[in-house]
Amino acid sequence: MQNTDLHPSVKGMRTTAIGIGISIVLVFAKFISGYIGHSYALIADASETSADVLSSLLLWIGLRISMKPADKEHPYGHGKAEPLAAIVISLFLLATAVWIAWHAIEFIRTPHQLPRRFTLGILLIVILIKEGMFRYVLRIGKEINSQAVKADAWHHRSDAITSVAAFVGILVAILMGRGYESADDWAALIASGIIVYNAIHLLRPALDEVMDAAPSGEIVRKVRQVAAGISGVDLVEKCYVRKMGFDYYVDLHIQVNPDLSVSRGHQIAHDVKDSLLQTIPGIKDVLIHVEPYAKVPH
């Protein structure tokens, strides 16, 4: 029976391990096929997959660190390791795009043989595998709300993109014949631009998380709604939510009747906290400030 109570980091690590294993097999398949089949684009594609393996290893390490419990030096836990891993992966994507573009230009300027037909079959298999991995890893990333795992998914998509570019380029070179040997290199150059766009798209939310930017308005709205529904709460004045790895931490200011006893105000605060922890998944802790309700005269 499948365990549905696994920590998000464990799910992410399992997904990453599968991706690493598949990518290692594809690296060897691409390098050998590219060398035998005279396809520089396929060799560059293999190098891009090698970068995938390295970045996935960094992700695995980041997820492993994020699982460590809070301690004296890290009272909020080690969740920041997860977005930091996403930043590193995004930077790897950017570096990979630059590497592909650099070598694509070099190959365009270097005369070489036409690629062989069997490389198209290899690339077709690679495209199907990598696109499947992208969809699987992205689904897990959304399920556990991990920017790092989502970034790793886009590594698989970028690999599929470079493979599609290589496929188109090799096909053009084979169909058009002599004089079009560099078609696959031009395709790889275009793919590098797409990878840069994806990397920047992934880098921004990871940076926001490290900088404690406010999460989506939806979770803030839910927190306010739940808190306002607790008996004794007259007003939810302020609500701050920050994401720490896979968990949310809430800082809430509520107003209650100023004539209530300290004990009653304290109990209301506990009721709000308990309700939030039980109602909204992902909330790790809630800090509540109780203040006297001051009705604004009309």
Protein backbone atom coordinates (compact mmCIF):
# COMPACT_ATOMS: atom_id res chain seq x y z
CA MET A 1 0.00 0.00 0.00
CA GLN A 2 1.39 3.41 -0.97
CA ASN A 3 2.23 5.77 1.86
CA THR A 4 0.45 9.06 1.25
CA ASP A 5 1.99 10.70 4.34
CA LEU A 6 5.54 10.95 3.01
CA HIS A 7 7.35 14.20 3.71
CA PRO A 8 7.44 16.38 0.57
CA SER A 9 11.24 16.20 0.56
CA VAL A 10 11.11 12.40 0.40
CA LYS A 11 8.79 12.53 -2.61
CA GLY A 12 11.03 15.08 -4.28
CA MET A 13 14.16 13.03 -3.59
CA ARG A 14 12.61 9.88 -5.05
CA THR A 15 11.58 11.75 -8.18
CA THR A 16 15.04 13.28 -8.49
CA ALA A 17 16.75 9.91 -8.10
CA ILE A 18 14.64 8.46 -10.94
CA GLY A 19 15.54 11.43 -13.15
CA ILE A 20 19.25 11.05 -12.39
CA GLY A 21 19.21 7.36 -13.33
CA ILE A 22 17.41 7.97 -16.63
CA SER A 23 19.62 10.95 -17.51
CA ILE A 24 22.83 8.98 -16.96
CA VAL A 25 21.65 6.31 -19.42
CA LEU A 26 20.72 9.00 -21.96
CA VAL A 27 24.10 10.74 -21.63
CA PHE A 28 25.94 7.62 -22.79
CA ALA A 29 23.37 6.91 -25.52
CA LYS A 30 23.65 10.46 -26.89
CA PHE A 31 27.43 10.69 -26.76
CA ILE A 32 27.95 7.33 -28.49
CA SER A 33 25.22 7.98 -31.09
CA GLY A 34 26.49 11.50 -31.75
CA TYR A 35 30.06 10.32 -32.24
CA ILE A 36 29.15 7.42 -34.51
CA GLY A 37 26.43 9.36 -36.31
CA HIS A 38 28.53 12.52 -36.95
CA SER A 39 26.04 14.75 -35.13
CA TYR A 40 27.61 17.61 -33.18
CA ALA A 41 24.15 18.69 -32.04
CA LEU A 42 23.58 15.27 -30.46
CA ILE A 43 26.93 15.50 -28.67
CA ALA A 44 26.02 18.99 -27.39
CA ASP A 45 22.66 17.56 -26.32
CA ALA A 46 24.50 14.87 -24.34
CA SER A 47 26.55 17.57 -22.61
CA GLU A 48 23.35 19.38 -21.67
CA THR A 49 22.01 16.16 -20.15
CA SER A 50 25.27 15.80 -18.19
CA ALA A 51 24.56 19.22 -16.67
CA ASP A 52 21.08 17.91 -15.80
CA VAL A 53 22.63 15.08 -13.80
CA LEU A 54 24.85 17.46 -11.83
CA SER A 55 22.04 19.91 -11.08
CA SER A 56 19.73 17.05 -10.04
CA LEU A 57 22.39 15.85 -7.61
CA LEU A 58 22.48 19.35 -6.12
CA LEU A 59 18.68 19.28 -5.86
CA TRP A 60 18.83 15.93 -4.06
CA ILE A 61 21.30 17.38 -1.57
CA GLY A 62 19.14 20.49 -1.09
CA LEU A 63 16.03 18.41 -0.41
CA ARG A 64 17.98 16.22 1.99
CA ILE A 65 19.12 19.29 3.94
CA SER A 66 15.60 20.77 3.99
CA MET A 67 14.37 17.67 5.86
CA LYS A 68 16.61 18.39 8.86
CA PRO A 69 14.56 19.49 11.89
CA ALA A 70 14.90 22.90 13.51
CA ASP A 71 17.81 23.36 15.90
CA LYS A 72 19.34 26.10 18.05
CA GLU A 73 21.10 27.75 15.09
CA HIS A 74 18.12 27.29 12.74
CA PRO A 75 14.92 27.76 14.79
CA TYR A 76 12.79 27.88 11.63
CA GLY A 77 14.31 24.69 10.25
CA HIS A 78 16.37 24.22 7.08
CA GLY A 79 13.64 24.80 4.51
CA LYS A 80 15.57 27.57 2.73
CA ALA A 81 17.84 24.87 1.29
CA GLU A 82 15.03 24.02 -1.14
CA PRO A 83 14.69 27.44 -2.88
CA LEU A 84 18.49 27.81 -2.77
CA ALA A 85 18.70 24.55 -4.73
CA ALA A 86 16.17 26.00 -7.21
CA ILE A 87 18.39 29.06 -7.69
CA VAL A 88 21.45 26.89 -8.35
CA ILE A 89 19.49 24.76 -10.85
CA SER A 90 18.25 27.87 -12.66
CA LEU A 91 21.82 29.17 -12.88
CA PHE A 92 22.87 25.79 -14.27
CA LEU A 93 20.19 26.17 -16.94
CA LEU A 94 21.59 29.58 -17.88
CA ALA A 95 25.13 28.22 -17.98
CA THR A 96 24.00 25.27 -20.09
CA ALA A 97 22.28 27.59 -22.56
CA VAL A 98 25.46 29.67 -22.91
CA TRP A 99 27.54 26.50 -23.38
CA ILE A 100 25.20 25.19 -26.09
CA ALA A 101 25.11 28.55 -27.90
CA TRP A 102 28.92 28.89 -27.79
CA HIS A 103 29.54 25.45 -29.23
CA ALA A 104 26.70 25.73 -31.75
CA ILE A 105 28.38 28.84 -33.19
CA GLU A 106 31.70 27.01 -33.21
CA PHE A 107 30.19 24.01 -35.03
CA ILE A 108 28.45 26.28 -37.56
CA ARG A 109 31.86 27.70 -38.49
CA THR A 110 33.51 24.25 -38.66
CA PRO A 111 32.87 22.06 -41.74
CA HIS A 112 31.76 18.56 -40.80
CA GLN A 113 30.05 15.49 -42.21
CA LEU A 114 26.33 15.08 -42.66
CA PRO A 115 24.71 13.35 -39.67
CA ARG A 116 23.52 9.78 -40.15
CA ARG A 117 19.85 8.82 -40.33
CA PHE A 118 19.78 6.54 -37.27
CA THR A 119 20.40 9.57 -35.03
CA LEU A 120 16.83 10.69 -35.75
CA GLY A 121 15.48 7.52 -34.13
CA ILE A 122 17.70 8.01 -31.08
CA LEU A 123 16.50 11.59 -30.69
CA LEU A 124 12.86 10.63 -31.07
CA ILE A 125 13.19 8.16 -28.19
CA VAL A 126 15.03 10.78 -26.10
CA ILE A 127 12.33 13.40 -26.75
CA LEU A 128 9.55 11.05 -25.63
CA ILE A 129 11.44 10.00 -22.48
CA LYS A 130 12.41 13.55 -21.49
CA GLU A 131 8.97 15.00 -22.13
CA GLY A 132 7.50 12.21 -20.02
CA MET A 133 9.98 12.97 -17.25
CA PHE A 134 9.11 16.68 -17.46
CA ARG A 135 5.41 16.00 -16.97
CA TYR A 136 6.01 13.53 -14.13
CA VAL A 137 8.50 15.70 -12.21
CA LEU A 138 6.41 18.87 -12.71
CA ARG A 139 3.35 17.08 -11.34
CA ILE A 140 5.29 16.08 -8.21
CA GLY A 141 6.73 19.61 -7.92
CA LYS A 142 3.23 21.11 -7.96
CA GLU A 143 1.95 18.43 -5.58
CA ILE A 144 4.59 19.21 -2.94
CA ASN A 145 4.77 22.93 -3.85
CA SER A 146 8.53 22.86 -4.47
CA GLN A 147 10.20 25.47 -6.69
CA ALA A 148 13.35 23.33 -6.79
CA VAL A 149 11.54 20.24 -8.07
CA LYS A 150 9.68 22.38 -10.62
CA ALA A 151 13.03 23.78 -11.74
CA ASP A 152 14.35 20.24 -12.12
CA ALA A 153 11.30 19.41 -14.24
CA TRP A 154 12.16 22.27 -16.57
CA HIS A 155 15.66 20.85 -16.88
CA HIS A 156 14.02 17.79 -18.44
CA ARG A 157 11.92 20.04 -20.68
CA SER A 158 15.01 22.00 -21.76
CA ASP A 159 16.69 18.70 -22.62
CA ALA A 160 13.65 17.74 -24.69
CA ILE A 161 13.77 21.15 -26.42
CA THR A 162 17.42 20.76 -27.40
CA SER A 163 16.64 17.24 -28.63
CA VAL A 164 13.74 18.54 -30.75
CA ALA A 165 16.02 21.23 -32.17
CA ALA A 166 18.69 18.64 -32.96
CA PHE A 167 16.05 16.39 -34.57
CA VAL A 168 14.80 19.18 -36.82
CA GLY A 169 18.31 20.26 -37.69
CA ILE A 170 19.49 16.73 -38.52
CA LEU A 171 16.34 16.11 -40.57
CA VAL A 172 16.94 19.28 -42.60
CA ALA A 173 20.60 18.37 -43.10
CA ILE A 174 19.74 14.84 -44.28
CA LEU A 175 16.93 15.94 -46.61
CA MET A 176 18.79 18.91 -48.11
CA GLY A 177 22.18 17.21 -48.34
CA ARG A 178 25.58 18.83 -48.80
CA GLY A 179 25.80 22.47 -47.77
CA TYR A 180 23.26 22.04 -44.96
CA GLU A 181 25.46 20.16 -42.48
CA SER A 182 25.17 22.99 -39.94
CA ALA A 183 21.36 22.96 -39.85
CA ASP A 184 21.35 21.01 -36.58
CA ASP A 185 23.79 23.52 -35.07
CA TRP A 186 21.51 26.44 -35.97
CA ALA A 187 18.62 24.58 -34.35
CA ALA A 188 20.67 24.08 -31.17
CA LEU A 189 21.44 27.82 -31.13
CA ILE A 190 17.72 28.64 -31.24
CA ALA A 191 17.02 26.11 -28.48
CA SER A 192 19.58 27.81 -26.21
CA GLY A 193 17.50 31.00 -26.33
CA ILE A 194 14.39 29.09 -25.21
CA ILE A 195 16.36 27.57 -22.33
CA VAL A 196 17.47 31.04 -21.17
CA TYR A 197 13.83 32.16 -21.07
CA ASN A 198 12.83 29.11 -18.99
CA ALA A 199 15.75 29.61 -16.59
CA ILE A 200 14.80 33.23 -15.87
CA HIS A 201 11.17 32.19 -15.45
CA LEU A 202 12.23 29.69 -12.76
CA LEU A 203 14.80 31.92 -11.06
CA ARG A 204 12.40 34.69 -10.08
CA PRO A 205 10.05 32.76 -7.74
CA ALA A 206 13.03 31.03 -6.08
CA LEU A 207 14.65 34.41 -5.37
CA ASP A 208 11.33 35.71 -4.05
CA GLU A 209 11.11 32.80 -1.63
CA VAL A 210 14.65 33.34 -0.33
CA MET A 211 13.84 37.05 0.13
CA ASP A 212 10.67 36.14 2.09
CA ALA A 213 8.35 37.65 -0.49
CA ALA A 214 4.66 37.22 0.27
CA PRO A 215 3.17 34.01 -1.17
CA SER A 216 0.05 33.93 -3.32
CA GLY A 217 -2.88 36.04 -2.20
CA GLU A 218 -5.01 32.91 -2.02
CA ILE A 219 -3.39 31.53 1.13
CA VAL A 220 -3.46 34.96 2.81
CA ARG A 221 -7.17 35.20 2.00
CA LYS A 222 -7.79 31.76 3.50
CA VAL A 223 -5.89 32.63 6.68
CA ARG A 224 -7.90 35.83 7.11
CA GLN A 225 -11.17 34.01 6.43
CA VAL A 226 -10.50 31.22 8.94
CA ALA A 227 -9.29 33.63 11.65
CA ALA A 228 -12.24 35.97 11.19
CA GLY A 229 -14.64 33.05 11.66
CA ILE A 230 -13.42 32.24 15.18
CA SER A 231 -15.74 33.30 17.99
CA GLY A 232 -14.38 36.33 19.85
CA VAL A 233 -12.35 37.75 16.94
CA ASP A 234 -13.74 41.17 16.10
CA LEU A 235 -11.18 42.07 13.43
CA VAL A 236 -8.21 40.52 11.62
CA GLU A 237 -5.97 43.56 11.42
CA LYS A 238 -2.73 42.30 9.86
CA CYS A 239 -1.76 39.04 8.19
CA TYR A 240 1.76 38.17 7.06
CA VAL A 241 2.66 34.81 5.57
CA ARG A 242 6.08 33.61 4.50
CA LYS A 243 7.17 30.34 2.93
CA MET A 244 10.07 28.43 4.44
CA GLY A 245 10.85 25.49 2.17
CA PHE A 246 7.70 23.38 2.14
CA ASP A 247 6.09 25.11 5.14
CA TYR A 248 4.23 28.36 5.77
CA TYR A 249 4.70 30.58 8.82
CA VAL A 250 1.91 33.01 9.72
CA ASP A 251 2.17 36.25 11.68
CA LEU A 252 -1.33 37.45 12.59
CA HIS A 253 -2.73 40.48 14.41
CA ILE A 254 -6.28 40.06 15.72
CA GLN A 255 -8.47 42.48 17.67
CA VAL A 256 -10.82 41.37 20.44
CA ASN A 257 -13.18 43.03 22.89
CA PRO A 258 -11.00 45.22 25.17
CA ASP A 259 -13.14 44.27 28.19
CA LEU A 260 -12.18 40.59 27.96
CA SER A 261 -9.81 39.09 30.49
CA VAL A 262 -6.23 38.28 29.51
CA SER A 263 -7.07 34.61 29.92
CA ARG A 264 -10.01 34.83 27.49
CA GLY A 265 -7.95 36.75 24.93
CA HIS A 266 -5.26 34.10 25.23
CA GLN A 267 -7.82 31.34 24.64
CA ILE A 268 -9.16 33.07 21.52
CA ALA A 269 -5.62 33.27 20.15
CA HIS A 270 -5.20 29.53 20.76
CA ASP A 271 -8.50 28.82 19.02
CA VAL A 272 -7.36 30.81 15.98
CA LYS A 273 -4.00 29.03 15.86
CA ASP A 274 -5.50 25.55 16.26
CA SER A 275 -8.08 26.24 13.56
CA LEU A 276 -5.47 27.47 11.09
CA LEU A 277 -3.18 24.48 11.70
CA GLN A 278 -6.05 22.05 11.24
CA THR A 279 -7.74 23.78 8.30
CA ILE A 280 -4.95 24.92 5.98
CA PRO A 281 -2.38 22.32 4.88
CA GLY A 282 1.26 23.42 4.91
CA ILE A 283 1.07 25.87 7.82
CA LYS A 284 3.87 24.98 10.25
CA ASP A 285 3.39 27.63 12.92
CA VAL A 286 1.28 30.68 13.73
CA LEU A 287 2.31 33.69 15.82
CA ILE A 288 -0.69 35.72 17.02
CA HIS A 289 -0.72 39.23 18.45
CA VAL A 290 -3.90 40.04 20.44
CA GLU A 291 -4.94 43.69 20.50
CA PRO A 292 -8.00 45.60 21.81
CA TYR A 293 -10.71 46.16 19.27
CA ALA A 294 -11.10 49.84 18.43
CA LYS A 295 -14.19 50.44 16.33
CA VAL A 296 -13.67 53.29 13.90
CA PRO A 297 -16.54 55.78 14.22
CA HIS A 298 -18.48 56.58 11.01
